[in-house]
Amino acid sequence: MNKQPSPRGRAVVLAYAAALILPEPGLWLRRAHSLPLGAAGALPLPTAQLLLGLVLLSAGLQVRLRALGSLLRRPTAVLAGLVLHLSIPLLAVPAVAFPLRWTPDTDGGSGLVTAMILIMAMPVAAGATVWTGGGGGDQPTMVGLVLASTLLSPVTVPLIIGALLPLLSGGYARTLAAAEPTTHGGFAFAGVVLPCAAGVVCRLALPEAWLSRVLGTVLPAASVGSLVLTYVNACGALDSFLARPRLLLSAAALGVATSVCLLSFTVGRCAARVLRLDAPTASSVTLACGMNNSSASAVLISSALPGKPHLLLPVLAYGLVQKTAASRLVRRRRSGAPR
């Protein structure tokens, strides 16, 4: 698998630029829409959730379950990566939350901390498999980490949010607690687990000839859907910023997102060395520690906290930083492979 992540990185930057230049279509897509069904009422069409579902369905379709058989015989790397992925939020978020309390911000940076909590609580990004392939990492280990973190997310997401909720001030703590039906398991199950599981089931059920046709249709559609979702989320964040420019908030969002993301990658890399994992497996574990499903967190923020569009700024910053860090890791892995 020799996919190059750089074209996708450029496409993400173009999606951000489009959100700045032409935000109106993205803002229209962010609004609630429905399909009239006559006497039966109307079918709601949440655009962001549908686009996220398409991306995760595509990820499930690409899972080669036969390759996962070897993980059952040597599950150490997956278990270690999963424990690290679930533990890092409890280390990284407080590490930035306590310094933020000393800033002039009236809420002690609780907005930024809220966004970081909702990012770090998410499962491993499905796109990490692409970076693993580009850097010669251990693909079965990465697929196992994506699947395990996704399937466990209805339990782990509310646990992580609940553990970190005391870091927030009253206003944001109450807002996040009021969104409990969305944040506590329901979103993770319906918005993350079901689409991914549907893709896995379809791969098992479809004949090989049909599967190749479905993949040929779904994968390009999911790539486009991922970019449209990035554009829609960017429109929501940048529209709030342009309506009320807050340069200090933007700089703080970038700084906090960068700190948390780089700390996550660093912990993963150090843990891989301590566990003495081979180079391909170490690369996969490091990527899993640093790459969270920021698209899912953006959708969660939009649905659970619709009155806080500025919280999407750190999400966009984190998504950009984690792709940059993953690209750097992949380049170092490729350049070091011959030695």
C-alpha atoms as a PDB file:
ATOM      1  CA  MET A   1       0.000   0.000   0.000  1.00  0.00           C
ATOM      2  CA  ASN A   2       1.818   3.126  -1.210  1.00  0.00           C
ATOM      3  CA  LYS A   3      -0.704   5.869  -0.749  1.00  0.00           C
ATOM      4  CA  GLN A   4       0.815   9.299  -0.242  1.00  0.00           C
ATOM      5  CA  PRO A   5      -0.870  11.438   2.406  1.00  0.00           C
ATOM      6  CA  SER A   6       0.401  14.761   1.036  1.00  0.00           C
ATOM      7  CA  PRO A   7      -2.291  15.275  -1.670  1.00  0.00           C
ATOM      8  CA  ARG A   8      -4.947  14.768   0.995  1.00  0.00           C
ATOM      9  CA  GLY A   9      -3.187  17.301   3.198  1.00  0.00           C
ATOM     10  CA  ARG A  10      -3.287  19.846   0.382  1.00  0.00           C
ATOM     11  CA  ALA A  11      -6.966  19.093  -0.197  1.00  0.00           C
ATOM     12  CA  VAL A  12      -7.717  19.802   3.489  1.00  0.00           C
ATOM     13  CA  VAL A  13      -5.940  23.161   3.236  1.00  0.00           C
ATOM     14  CA  LEU A  14      -8.012  23.948   0.124  1.00  0.00           C
ATOM     15  CA  ALA A  15     -11.191  23.049   2.052  1.00  0.00           C
ATOM     16  CA  TYR A  16     -10.198  25.545   4.755  1.00  0.00           C
ATOM     17  CA  ALA A  17      -9.500  28.183   2.107  1.00  0.00           C
ATOM     18  CA  ALA A  18     -12.898  27.531   0.468  1.00  0.00           C
ATOM     19  CA  ALA A  19     -14.566  28.030   3.857  1.00  0.00           C
ATOM     20  CA  LEU A  20     -12.952  31.454   4.086  1.00  0.00           C
ATOM     21  CA  ILE A  21     -13.736  32.530   0.523  1.00  0.00           C
ATOM     22  CA  LEU A  22     -17.166  30.952  -0.024  1.00  0.00           C
ATOM     23  CA  PRO A  23     -18.776  29.954   3.286  1.00  0.00           C
ATOM     24  CA  GLU A  24     -22.451  30.251   2.263  1.00  0.00           C
ATOM     25  CA  PRO A  25     -22.905  26.672   0.885  1.00  0.00           C
ATOM     26  CA  GLY A  26     -21.229  25.216   3.973  1.00  0.00           C
ATOM     27  CA  LEU A  27     -23.410  27.255   6.316  1.00  0.00           C
ATOM     28  CA  TRP A  28     -26.493  26.077   4.404  1.00  0.00           C
ATOM     29  CA  LEU A  29     -25.386  22.452   4.793  1.00  0.00           C
ATOM     30  CA  ARG A  30     -24.867  22.979   8.541  1.00  0.00           C
ATOM     31  CA  ARG A  31     -28.499  23.948   9.025  1.00  0.00           C
ATOM     32  CA  ALA A  32     -31.166  21.351   9.780  1.00  0.00           C
ATOM     33  CA  HIS A  33     -32.891  19.945   6.679  1.00  0.00           C
ATOM     34  CA  SER A  34     -35.618  17.363   6.187  1.00  0.00           C
ATOM     35  CA  LEU A  35     -37.137  15.322   3.401  1.00  0.00           C
ATOM     36  CA  PRO A  36     -40.970  15.672   3.205  1.00  0.00           C
ATOM     37  CA  LEU A  37     -42.761  12.311   3.342  1.00  0.00           C
ATOM     38  CA  GLY A  38     -46.310  13.529   2.889  1.00  0.00           C
ATOM     39  CA  ALA A  39     -48.727  12.325   5.564  1.00  0.00           C
ATOM     40  CA  ALA A  40     -45.927  10.413   7.279  1.00  0.00           C
ATOM     41  CA  GLY A  41     -44.204  13.674   8.204  1.00  0.00           C
ATOM     42  CA  ALA A  42     -40.616  14.475   7.326  1.00  0.00           C
ATOM     43  CA  LEU A  43     -37.320  12.612   7.451  1.00  0.00           C
ATOM     44  CA  PRO A  44     -34.541  14.651   9.132  1.00  0.00           C
ATOM     45  CA  LEU A  45     -31.329  14.910   7.120  1.00  0.00           C
ATOM     46  CA  PRO A  46     -28.449  15.907   9.420  1.00  0.00           C
ATOM     47  CA  THR A  47     -25.782  16.606   6.793  1.00  0.00           C
ATOM     48  CA  ALA A  48     -22.737  16.425   9.033  1.00  0.00           C
ATOM     49  CA  GLN A  49     -23.820  13.143  10.654  1.00  0.00           C
ATOM     50  CA  LEU A  50     -24.556  11.597   7.251  1.00  0.00           C
ATOM     51  CA  LEU A  51     -21.157  12.621   5.868  1.00  0.00           C
ATOM     52  CA  LEU A  52     -19.414  11.212   8.951  1.00  0.00           C
ATOM     53  CA  GLY A  53     -21.389   7.994   8.567  1.00  0.00           C
ATOM     54  CA  LEU A  54     -20.260   7.683   4.939  1.00  0.00           C
ATOM     55  CA  VAL A  55     -16.602   8.096   5.954  1.00  0.00           C
ATOM     56  CA  LEU A  56     -16.899   5.471   8.704  1.00  0.00           C
ATOM     57  CA  LEU A  57     -18.825   3.081   6.446  1.00  0.00           C
ATOM     58  CA  SER A  58     -15.941   3.315   3.997  1.00  0.00           C
ATOM     59  CA  ALA A  59     -13.475   2.582   6.809  1.00  0.00           C
ATOM     60  CA  GLY A  60     -15.428  -0.524   7.789  1.00  0.00           C
ATOM     61  CA  LEU A  61     -15.534  -1.751   4.197  1.00  0.00           C
ATOM     62  CA  GLN A  62     -11.735  -1.642   4.033  1.00  0.00           C
ATOM     63  CA  VAL A  63     -11.173  -3.826   7.108  1.00  0.00           C
ATOM     64  CA  ARG A  64      -9.534  -7.128   6.129  1.00  0.00           C
ATOM     65  CA  LEU A  65     -10.645  -9.388   8.959  1.00  0.00           C
ATOM     66  CA  ARG A  66      -8.272 -12.170   7.930  1.00  0.00           C
ATOM     67  CA  ALA A  67      -5.334  -9.888   8.636  1.00  0.00           C
ATOM     68  CA  LEU A  68      -6.656  -9.416  12.165  1.00  0.00           C
ATOM     69  CA  GLY A  69      -6.268 -13.119  12.950  1.00  0.00           C
ATOM     70  CA  SER A  70      -2.601 -12.664  13.791  1.00  0.00           C
ATOM     71  CA  LEU A  71      -3.532 -10.069  16.427  1.00  0.00           C
ATOM     72  CA  LEU A  72      -5.393 -12.707  18.436  1.00  0.00           C
ATOM     73  CA  ARG A  73      -2.143 -14.653  18.711  1.00  0.00           C
ATOM     74  CA  ARG A  74      -0.059 -11.607  19.729  1.00  0.00           C
ATOM     75  CA  PRO A  75      -2.419  -8.922  21.056  1.00  0.00           C
ATOM     76  CA  THR A  76       0.228  -7.036  23.091  1.00  0.00           C
ATOM     77  CA  ALA A  77       0.607  -4.129  20.657  1.00  0.00           C
ATOM     78  CA  VAL A  78      -3.141  -3.573  20.274  1.00  0.00           C
ATOM     79  CA  LEU A  79      -3.796  -3.780  24.018  1.00  0.00           C
ATOM     80  CA  ALA A  80      -0.897  -1.420  24.760  1.00  0.00           C
ATOM     81  CA  GLY A  81      -2.019   1.037  22.058  1.00  0.00           C
ATOM     82  CA  LEU A  82      -5.609   0.941  23.298  1.00  0.00           C
ATOM     83  CA  VAL A  83      -4.608   1.552  26.932  1.00  0.00           C
ATOM     84  CA  LEU A  84      -2.385   4.443  25.845  1.00  0.00           C
ATOM     85  CA  HIS A  85      -5.094   5.950  23.629  1.00  0.00           C
ATOM     86  CA  LEU A  86      -7.576   5.891  26.516  1.00  0.00           C
ATOM     87  CA  SER A  87      -5.063   7.106  29.115  1.00  0.00           C
ATOM     88  CA  ILE A  88      -3.529  10.019  27.196  1.00  0.00           C
ATOM     89  CA  PRO A  89      -6.615  12.303  27.570  1.00  0.00           C
ATOM     90  CA  LEU A  90      -6.331  11.973  31.354  1.00  0.00           C
ATOM     91  CA  LEU A  91      -2.729  13.185  31.089  1.00  0.00           C
ATOM     92  CA  ALA A  92      -2.797  15.667  28.205  1.00  0.00           C
ATOM     93  CA  VAL A  93      -5.985  17.622  28.946  1.00  0.00           C
ATOM     94  CA  PRO A  94      -5.111  18.464  32.577  1.00  0.00           C
ATOM     95  CA  ALA A  95      -1.600  19.399  31.397  1.00  0.00           C
ATOM     96  CA  VAL A  96      -3.078  22.297  29.389  1.00  0.00           C
ATOM     97  CA  ALA A  97      -6.100  22.973  31.617  1.00  0.00           C
ATOM     98  CA  PHE A  98      -4.152  24.033  34.708  1.00  0.00           C
ATOM     99  CA  PRO A  99      -1.923  26.607  32.921  1.00  0.00           C
ATOM    100  CA  LEU A 100      -5.030  28.042  31.217  1.00  0.00           C
ATOM    101  CA  ARG A 101      -6.494  28.872  34.636  1.00  0.00           C
ATOM    102  CA  TRP A 102      -3.862  31.608  34.972  1.00  0.00           C
ATOM    103  CA  THR A 103      -4.785  33.300  31.682  1.00  0.00           C
ATOM    104  CA  PRO A 104      -6.886  36.509  31.542  1.00  0.00           C
ATOM    105  CA  ASP A 105      -9.804  34.541  30.056  1.00  0.00           C
ATOM    106  CA  THR A 106     -12.809  34.969  32.343  1.00  0.00           C
ATOM    107  CA  ASP A 107     -13.737  31.267  32.170  1.00  0.00           C
ATOM    108  CA  GLY A 108     -10.179  30.047  32.706  1.00  0.00           C
ATOM    109  CA  GLY A 109      -9.924  28.628  29.200  1.00  0.00           C
ATOM    110  CA  SER A 110     -12.856  26.278  29.781  1.00  0.00           C
ATOM    111  CA  GLY A 111     -14.002  26.648  26.169  1.00  0.00           C
ATOM    112  CA  LEU A 112     -10.686  25.365  24.860  1.00  0.00           C
ATOM    113  CA  VAL A 113     -10.595  22.615  27.478  1.00  0.00           C
ATOM    114  CA  THR A 114     -14.140  21.540  26.529  1.00  0.00           C
ATOM    115  CA  ALA A 115     -13.108  21.217  22.889  1.00  0.00           C
ATOM    116  CA  MET A 116      -9.988  19.228  23.857  1.00  0.00           C
ATOM    117  CA  ILE A 117     -12.043  16.863  26.017  1.00  0.00           C
ATOM    118  CA  LEU A 118     -14.461  16.162  23.151  1.00  0.00           C
ATOM    119  CA  ILE A 119     -11.553  15.632  20.735  1.00  0.00           C
ATOM    120  CA  MET A 120      -9.495  13.371  22.983  1.00  0.00           C
ATOM    121  CA  ALA A 121     -12.509  11.256  23.988  1.00  0.00           C
ATOM    122  CA  MET A 122     -13.024  10.158  20.375  1.00  0.00           C
ATOM    123  CA  PRO A 123     -11.731   6.826  18.997  1.00  0.00           C
ATOM    124  CA  VAL A 124      -8.665   6.477  16.778  1.00  0.00           C
ATOM    125  CA  ALA A 125      -9.203   8.234  13.438  1.00  0.00           C
ATOM    126  CA  ALA A 126      -9.993   5.817  10.617  1.00  0.00           C
ATOM    127  CA  GLY A 127      -7.697   7.897   8.394  1.00  0.00           C
ATOM    128  CA  ALA A 128      -4.754   6.704  10.499  1.00  0.00           C
ATOM    129  CA  THR A 129      -4.790   3.517   8.428  1.00  0.00           C
ATOM    130  CA  VAL A 130      -3.853   5.570   5.353  1.00  0.00           C
ATOM    131  CA  TRP A 131      -0.886   7.140   7.130  1.00  0.00           C
ATOM    132  CA  THR A 132       0.146   3.703   8.420  1.00  0.00           C
ATOM    133  CA  GLY A 133       0.216   2.353   4.890  1.00  0.00           C
ATOM    134  CA  GLY A 134       2.139   5.368   3.605  1.00  0.00           C
ATOM    135  CA  GLY A 135       4.793   4.974   6.315  1.00  0.00           C
ATOM    136  CA  GLY A 136       5.218   1.212   6.139  1.00  0.00           C
ATOM    137  CA  GLY A 137       3.592   0.656   9.537  1.00  0.00           C
ATOM    138  CA  ASP A 138       1.897  -2.485  10.831  1.00  0.00           C
ATOM    139  CA  GLN A 139      -1.514  -2.292   9.160  1.00  0.00           C
ATOM    140  CA  PRO A 140      -3.239  -5.127  11.100  1.00  0.00           C
ATOM    141  CA  THR A 141      -2.244  -3.473  14.392  1.00  0.00           C
ATOM    142  CA  MET A 142      -3.627  -0.127  13.249  1.00  0.00           C
ATOM    143  CA  VAL A 143      -6.873  -1.643  11.969  1.00  0.00           C
ATOM    144  CA  GLY A 144      -7.231  -3.494  15.266  1.00  0.00           C
ATOM    145  CA  LEU A 145      -6.752  -0.245  17.204  1.00  0.00           C
ATOM    146  CA  VAL A 146      -9.282   1.624  15.053  1.00  0.00           C
ATOM    147  CA  LEU A 147     -11.869  -1.145  15.439  1.00  0.00           C
ATOM    148  CA  ALA A 148     -11.288  -1.710  19.158  1.00  0.00           C
ATOM    149  CA  SER A 149     -11.415   1.994  20.062  1.00  0.00           C
ATOM    150  CA  THR A 150     -14.503   2.475  17.872  1.00  0.00           C
ATOM    151  CA  LEU A 151     -16.428  -0.497  19.280  1.00  0.00           C
ATOM    152  CA  LEU A 152     -15.608   0.537  22.851  1.00  0.00           C
ATOM    153  CA  SER A 153     -16.439   4.223  22.271  1.00  0.00           C
ATOM    154  CA  PRO A 154     -20.039   4.070  23.617  1.00  0.00           C
ATOM    155  CA  VAL A 155     -18.463   3.159  26.975  1.00  0.00           C
ATOM    156  CA  THR A 156     -15.146   5.033  26.843  1.00  0.00           C
ATOM    157  CA  VAL A 157     -16.454   8.387  25.529  1.00  0.00           C
ATOM    158  CA  PRO A 158     -18.779   9.062  28.502  1.00  0.00           C
ATOM    159  CA  LEU A 159     -16.164   7.764  30.964  1.00  0.00           C
ATOM    160  CA  ILE A 160     -13.457  10.108  29.650  1.00  0.00           C
ATOM    161  CA  ILE A 161     -15.829  13.085  29.501  1.00  0.00           C
ATOM    162  CA  GLY A 162     -17.056  12.380  33.029  1.00  0.00           C
ATOM    163  CA  ALA A 163     -13.519  12.044  34.402  1.00  0.00           C
ATOM    164  CA  LEU A 164     -12.428  15.381  32.907  1.00  0.00           C
ATOM    165  CA  LEU A 165     -15.631  17.342  33.564  1.00  0.00           C
ATOM    166  CA  PRO A 166     -14.314  18.752  36.918  1.00  0.00           C
ATOM    167  CA  LEU A 167     -11.678  20.686  34.936  1.00  0.00           C
ATOM    168  CA  LEU A 168     -14.397  22.958  33.520  1.00  0.00           C
ATOM    169  CA  SER A 169     -15.889  26.062  35.071  1.00  0.00           C
ATOM    170  CA  GLY A 170     -19.573  26.209  35.951  1.00  0.00           C
ATOM    171  CA  GLY A 171     -20.905  27.503  32.629  1.00  0.00           C
ATOM    172  CA  TYR A 172     -19.217  24.993  30.372  1.00  0.00           C
ATOM    173  CA  ALA A 173     -19.633  22.174  32.886  1.00  0.00           C
ATOM    174  CA  ARG A 174     -23.387  22.817  32.974  1.00  0.00           C
ATOM    175  CA  THR A 175     -23.590  23.084  29.181  1.00  0.00           C
ATOM    176  CA  LEU A 176     -21.752  19.805  28.677  1.00  0.00           C
ATOM    177  CA  ALA A 177     -23.785  18.102  31.409  1.00  0.00           C
ATOM    178  CA  ALA A 178     -26.999  19.335  29.758  1.00  0.00           C
ATOM    179  CA  ALA A 179     -25.878  17.617  26.545  1.00  0.00           C
ATOM    180  CA  GLU A 180     -25.572  14.298  28.414  1.00  0.00           C
ATOM    181  CA  PRO A 181     -28.051  12.365  26.192  1.00  0.00           C
ATOM    182  CA  THR A 182     -25.851  13.171  23.181  1.00  0.00           C
ATOM    183  CA  THR A 183     -22.378  12.905  24.680  1.00  0.00           C
ATOM    184  CA  HIS A 184     -22.932   9.899  26.940  1.00  0.00           C
ATOM    185  CA  GLY A 185     -22.770   6.939  24.585  1.00  0.00           C
ATOM    186  CA  GLY A 186     -25.668   7.626  22.211  1.00  0.00           C
ATOM    187  CA  PHE A 187     -23.629   9.639  19.711  1.00  0.00           C
ATOM    188  CA  ALA A 188     -20.703   7.201  19.847  1.00  0.00           C
ATOM    189  CA  PHE A 189     -22.973   4.230  19.177  1.00  0.00           C
ATOM    190  CA  ALA A 190     -25.244   5.686  16.503  1.00  0.00           C
ATOM    191  CA  GLY A 191     -22.770   8.067  14.897  1.00  0.00           C
ATOM    192  CA  VAL A 192     -19.541   6.066  15.066  1.00  0.00           C
ATOM    193  CA  VAL A 193     -20.037   2.363  15.827  1.00  0.00           C
ATOM    194  CA  LEU A 194     -23.046   1.595  13.619  1.00  0.00           C
ATOM    195  CA  PRO A 195     -21.647   2.990  10.319  1.00  0.00           C
ATOM    196  CA  CYS A 196     -18.283   1.285  10.870  1.00  0.00           C
ATOM    197  CA  ALA A 197     -19.941  -2.016  11.837  1.00  0.00           C
ATOM    198  CA  ALA A 198     -22.217  -1.776   8.785  1.00  0.00           C
ATOM    199  CA  GLY A 199     -19.147  -1.522   6.564  1.00  0.00           C
ATOM    200  CA  VAL A 200     -17.545  -4.581   8.178  1.00  0.00           C
ATOM    201  CA  VAL A 201     -20.773  -6.605   7.810  1.00  0.00           C
ATOM    202  CA  CYS A 202     -21.154  -5.572   4.166  1.00  0.00           C
ATOM    203  CA  ARG A 203     -17.602  -6.708   3.422  1.00  0.00           C
ATOM    204  CA  LEU A 204     -18.354 -10.095   4.967  1.00  0.00           C
ATOM    205  CA  ALA A 205     -21.706 -10.494   3.196  1.00  0.00           C
ATOM    206  CA  LEU A 206     -20.888  -9.276  -0.318  1.00  0.00           C
ATOM    207  CA  PRO A 207     -19.426 -11.610  -2.960  1.00  0.00           C
ATOM    208  CA  GLU A 208     -15.919 -10.653  -4.098  1.00  0.00           C
ATOM    209  CA  ALA A 209     -17.094  -9.364  -7.482  1.00  0.00           C
ATOM    210  CA  TRP A 210     -19.730  -7.126  -5.903  1.00  0.00           C
ATOM    211  CA  LEU A 211     -17.338  -5.982  -3.189  1.00  0.00           C
ATOM    212  CA  SER A 212     -14.855  -4.581  -5.705  1.00  0.00           C
ATOM    213  CA  ARG A 213     -17.655  -2.604  -7.372  1.00  0.00           C
ATOM    214  CA  VAL A 214     -18.941  -1.286  -4.055  1.00  0.00           C
ATOM    215  CA  LEU A 215     -15.435  -0.266  -2.996  1.00  0.00           C
ATOM    216  CA  GLY A 216     -14.900   1.432  -6.333  1.00  0.00           C
ATOM    217  CA  THR A 217     -17.987   3.564  -5.673  1.00  0.00           C
ATOM    218  CA  VAL A 218     -17.919   4.089  -1.913  1.00  0.00           C
ATOM    219  CA  LEU A 219     -14.219   4.925  -1.448  1.00  0.00           C
ATOM    220  CA  PRO A 220     -14.160   7.915  -3.841  1.00  0.00           C
ATOM    221  CA  ALA A 221     -17.498   9.088  -2.442  1.00  0.00           C
ATOM    222  CA  ALA A 222     -16.137   8.838   1.119  1.00  0.00           C
ATOM    223  CA  SER A 223     -13.028  10.843   0.166  1.00  0.00           C
ATOM    224  CA  VAL A 224     -15.221  13.599  -1.248  1.00  0.00           C
ATOM    225  CA  GLY A 225     -17.541  13.339   1.762  1.00  0.00           C
ATOM    226  CA  SER A 226     -14.617  13.724   4.151  1.00  0.00           C
ATOM    227  CA  LEU A 227     -13.492  16.919   2.413  1.00  0.00           C
ATOM    228  CA  VAL A 228     -17.053  18.288   2.342  1.00  0.00           C
ATOM    229  CA  LEU A 229     -17.352  17.538   6.072  1.00  0.00           C
ATOM    230  CA  THR A 230     -14.072  19.376   6.690  1.00  0.00           C
ATOM    231  CA  TYR A 231     -15.393  22.317   4.651  1.00  0.00           C
ATOM    232  CA  VAL A 232     -18.737  22.363   6.518  1.00  0.00           C
ATOM    233  CA  ASN A 233     -17.059  22.299   9.934  1.00  0.00           C
ATOM    234  CA  ALA A 234     -14.591  24.978   8.861  1.00  0.00           C
ATOM    235  CA  CYS A 235     -17.468  27.186   7.694  1.00  0.00           C
ATOM    236  CA  GLY A 236     -19.089  26.932  11.124  1.00  0.00           C
ATOM    237  CA  ALA A 237     -15.892  27.848  12.948  1.00  0.00           C
ATOM    238  CA  LEU A 238     -14.713  30.575  10.588  1.00  0.00           C
ATOM    239  CA  ASP A 239     -18.157  32.166  10.296  1.00  0.00           C
ATOM    240  CA  SER A 240     -18.170  32.655  14.057  1.00  0.00           C
ATOM    241  CA  PHE A 241     -14.623  34.015  13.902  1.00  0.00           C
ATOM    242  CA  LEU A 242     -15.348  36.445  11.033  1.00  0.00           C
ATOM    243  CA  ALA A 243     -18.525  37.690  12.704  1.00  0.00           C
ATOM    244  CA  ARG A 244     -16.558  38.415  15.865  1.00  0.00           C
ATOM    245  CA  PRO A 245     -12.789  38.240  15.243  1.00  0.00           C
ATOM    246  CA  ARG A 246     -10.935  36.930  18.301  1.00  0.00           C
ATOM    247  CA  LEU A 247      -7.280  36.707  17.346  1.00  0.00           C
ATOM    248  CA  LEU A 248      -6.183  35.800  20.872  1.00  0.00           C
ATOM    249  CA  LEU A 249      -8.680  32.914  20.956  1.00  0.00           C
ATOM    250  CA  SER A 250      -7.442  31.658  17.580  1.00  0.00           C
ATOM    251  CA  ALA A 251      -3.814  31.780  18.724  1.00  0.00           C
ATOM    252  CA  ALA A 252      -4.716  30.033  21.977  1.00  0.00           C
ATOM    253  CA  ALA A 253      -6.689  27.357  20.085  1.00  0.00           C
ATOM    254  CA  LEU A 254      -3.707  26.653  17.855  1.00  0.00           C
ATOM    255  CA  GLY A 255      -1.315  26.624  20.815  1.00  0.00           C
ATOM    256  CA  VAL A 256      -3.457  24.307  22.953  1.00  0.00           C
ATOM    257  CA  ALA A 257      -4.227  21.954  20.051  1.00  0.00           C
ATOM    258  CA  THR A 258      -0.547  21.783  19.119  1.00  0.00           C
ATOM    259  CA  SER A 259       0.536  21.110  22.709  1.00  0.00           C
ATOM    260  CA  VAL A 260      -2.005  18.331  23.272  1.00  0.00           C
ATOM    261  CA  CYS A 261      -1.388  16.715  19.891  1.00  0.00           C
ATOM    262  CA  LEU A 262       2.406  16.709  20.164  1.00  0.00           C
ATOM    263  CA  LEU A 263       2.241  15.439  23.743  1.00  0.00           C
ATOM    264  CA  SER A 264       0.055  12.548  22.546  1.00  0.00           C
ATOM    265  CA  PHE A 265       2.498  11.622  19.768  1.00  0.00           C
ATOM    266  CA  THR A 266       5.437  11.896  22.174  1.00  0.00           C
ATOM    267  CA  VAL A 267       3.833   9.628  24.782  1.00  0.00           C
ATOM    268  CA  GLY A 268       3.042   7.052  22.094  1.00  0.00           C
ATOM    269  CA  ARG A 269       6.572   7.131  20.743  1.00  0.00           C
ATOM    270  CA  CYS A 270       8.183   6.812  24.189  1.00  0.00           C
ATOM    271  CA  ALA A 271       5.828   3.980  25.175  1.00  0.00           C
ATOM    272  CA  ALA A 272       6.670   2.098  21.969  1.00  0.00           C
ATOM    273  CA  ARG A 273      10.361   2.339  22.869  1.00  0.00           C
ATOM    274  CA  VAL A 274       9.754   1.171  26.437  1.00  0.00           C
ATOM    275  CA  LEU A 275       7.758  -1.816  25.122  1.00  0.00           C
ATOM    276  CA  ARG A 276      10.536  -2.494  22.568  1.00  0.00           C
ATOM    277  CA  LEU A 277       8.079  -2.810  19.697  1.00  0.00           C
ATOM    278  CA  ASP A 278       9.473  -3.375  16.224  1.00  0.00           C
ATOM    279  CA  ALA A 279       9.599  -0.306  13.972  1.00  0.00           C
ATOM    280  CA  PRO A 280       6.376  -0.929  11.951  1.00  0.00           C
ATOM    281  CA  THR A 281       4.331  -1.716  15.082  1.00  0.00           C
ATOM    282  CA  ALA A 282       5.839   1.239  16.960  1.00  0.00           C
ATOM    283  CA  SER A 283       4.824   3.537  14.095  1.00  0.00           C
ATOM    284  CA  SER A 284       1.221   2.263  14.230  1.00  0.00           C
ATOM    285  CA  VAL A 285       0.969   2.641  18.023  1.00  0.00           C
ATOM    286  CA  THR A 286       2.412   6.177  17.858  1.00  0.00           C
ATOM    287  CA  LEU A 287      -0.066   7.214  15.171  1.00  0.00           C
ATOM    288  CA  ALA A 288      -2.955   5.705  17.151  1.00  0.00           C
ATOM    289  CA  CYS A 289      -1.964   7.723  20.219  1.00  0.00           C
ATOM    290  CA  GLY A 290      -1.846  11.011  18.325  1.00  0.00           C
ATOM    291  CA  MET A 291      -4.692  10.669  15.827  1.00  0.00           C
ATOM    292  CA  ASN A 292      -8.231  11.088  17.130  1.00  0.00           C
ATOM    293  CA  ASN A 293     -11.363  11.269  15.030  1.00  0.00           C
ATOM    294  CA  SER A 294     -11.601  15.068  14.933  1.00  0.00           C
ATOM    295  CA  SER A 295     -14.436  14.905  12.382  1.00  0.00           C
ATOM    296  CA  ALA A 296     -16.554  12.997  14.901  1.00  0.00           C
ATOM    297  CA  SER A 297     -15.741  15.512  17.639  1.00  0.00           C
ATOM    298  CA  ALA A 298     -16.726  18.389  15.325  1.00  0.00           C
ATOM    299  CA  VAL A 299     -20.065  16.713  14.591  1.00  0.00           C
ATOM    300  CA  LEU A 300     -20.567  16.073  18.322  1.00  0.00           C
ATOM    301  CA  ILE A 301     -19.879  19.725  19.166  1.00  0.00           C
ATOM    302  CA  SER A 302     -22.269  20.910  16.451  1.00  0.00           C
ATOM    303  CA  SER A 303     -25.083  18.636  17.657  1.00  0.00           C
ATOM    304  CA  ALA A 304     -24.545  18.719  21.436  1.00  0.00           C
ATOM    305  CA  LEU A 305     -23.359  22.327  21.770  1.00  0.00           C
ATOM    306  CA  PRO A 306     -24.958  24.197  18.843  1.00  0.00           C
ATOM    307  CA  GLY A 307     -24.608  27.542  20.600  1.00  0.00           C
ATOM    308  CA  LYS A 308     -20.808  27.245  20.824  1.00  0.00           C
ATOM    309  CA  PRO A 309     -19.526  27.367  17.212  1.00  0.00           C
ATOM    310  CA  HIS A 310     -16.212  28.894  18.355  1.00  0.00           C
ATOM    311  CA  LEU A 311     -15.371  25.505  19.925  1.00  0.00           C
ATOM    312  CA  LEU A 312     -14.793  24.246  16.383  1.00  0.00           C
ATOM    313  CA  LEU A 313     -11.655  26.411  16.116  1.00  0.00           C
ATOM    314  CA  PRO A 314      -9.513  24.104  18.310  1.00  0.00           C
ATOM    315  CA  VAL A 315     -10.993  21.112  16.475  1.00  0.00           C
ATOM    316  CA  LEU A 316      -9.841  22.498  13.125  1.00  0.00           C
ATOM    317  CA  ALA A 317      -6.447  23.337  14.603  1.00  0.00           C
ATOM    318  CA  TYR A 318      -6.080  19.842  16.076  1.00  0.00           C
ATOM    319  CA  GLY A 319      -7.053  18.203  12.787  1.00  0.00           C
ATOM    320  CA  LEU A 320      -4.430  20.214  10.919  1.00  0.00           C
ATOM    321  CA  VAL A 321      -1.709  19.621  13.539  1.00  0.00           C
ATOM    322  CA  GLN A 322      -2.298  15.879  13.785  1.00  0.00           C
ATOM    323  CA  LYS A 323      -2.067  15.505   9.999  1.00  0.00           C
ATOM    324  CA  THR A 324       1.154  17.538   9.984  1.00  0.00           C
ATOM    325  CA  ALA A 325       2.623  15.442  12.813  1.00  0.00           C
ATOM    326  CA  ALA A 326       1.541  12.200  11.104  1.00  0.00           C
ATOM    327  CA  SER A 327       3.121  13.360   7.838  1.00  0.00           C
ATOM    328  CA  ARG A 328       6.394  14.108   9.652  1.00  0.00           C
ATOM    329  CA  LEU A 329       6.347  10.701  11.350  1.00  0.00           C
ATOM    330  CA  VAL A 330       5.685   8.956   8.040  1.00  0.00           C
ATOM    331  CA  ARG A 331       8.513  10.839   6.292  1.00  0.00           C
ATOM    332  CA  ARG A 332      10.946   9.926   9.071  1.00  0.00           C
ATOM    333  CA  ARG A 333       9.810   6.315   8.949  1.00  0.00           C
ATOM    334  CA  ARG A 334      10.280   6.130   5.157  1.00  0.00           C
ATOM    335  CA  SER A 335      13.694   7.819   5.251  1.00  0.00           C
ATOM    336  CA  GLY A 336      14.838   5.566   8.086  1.00  0.00           C
ATOM    337  CA  ALA A 337      13.515   2.311   6.620  1.00  0.00           C
ATOM    338  CA  PRO A 338      16.595   1.478   4.451  1.00  0.00           C
ATOM    339  CA  ARG A 339      18.913   1.872   7.449  1.00  0.00           C
END
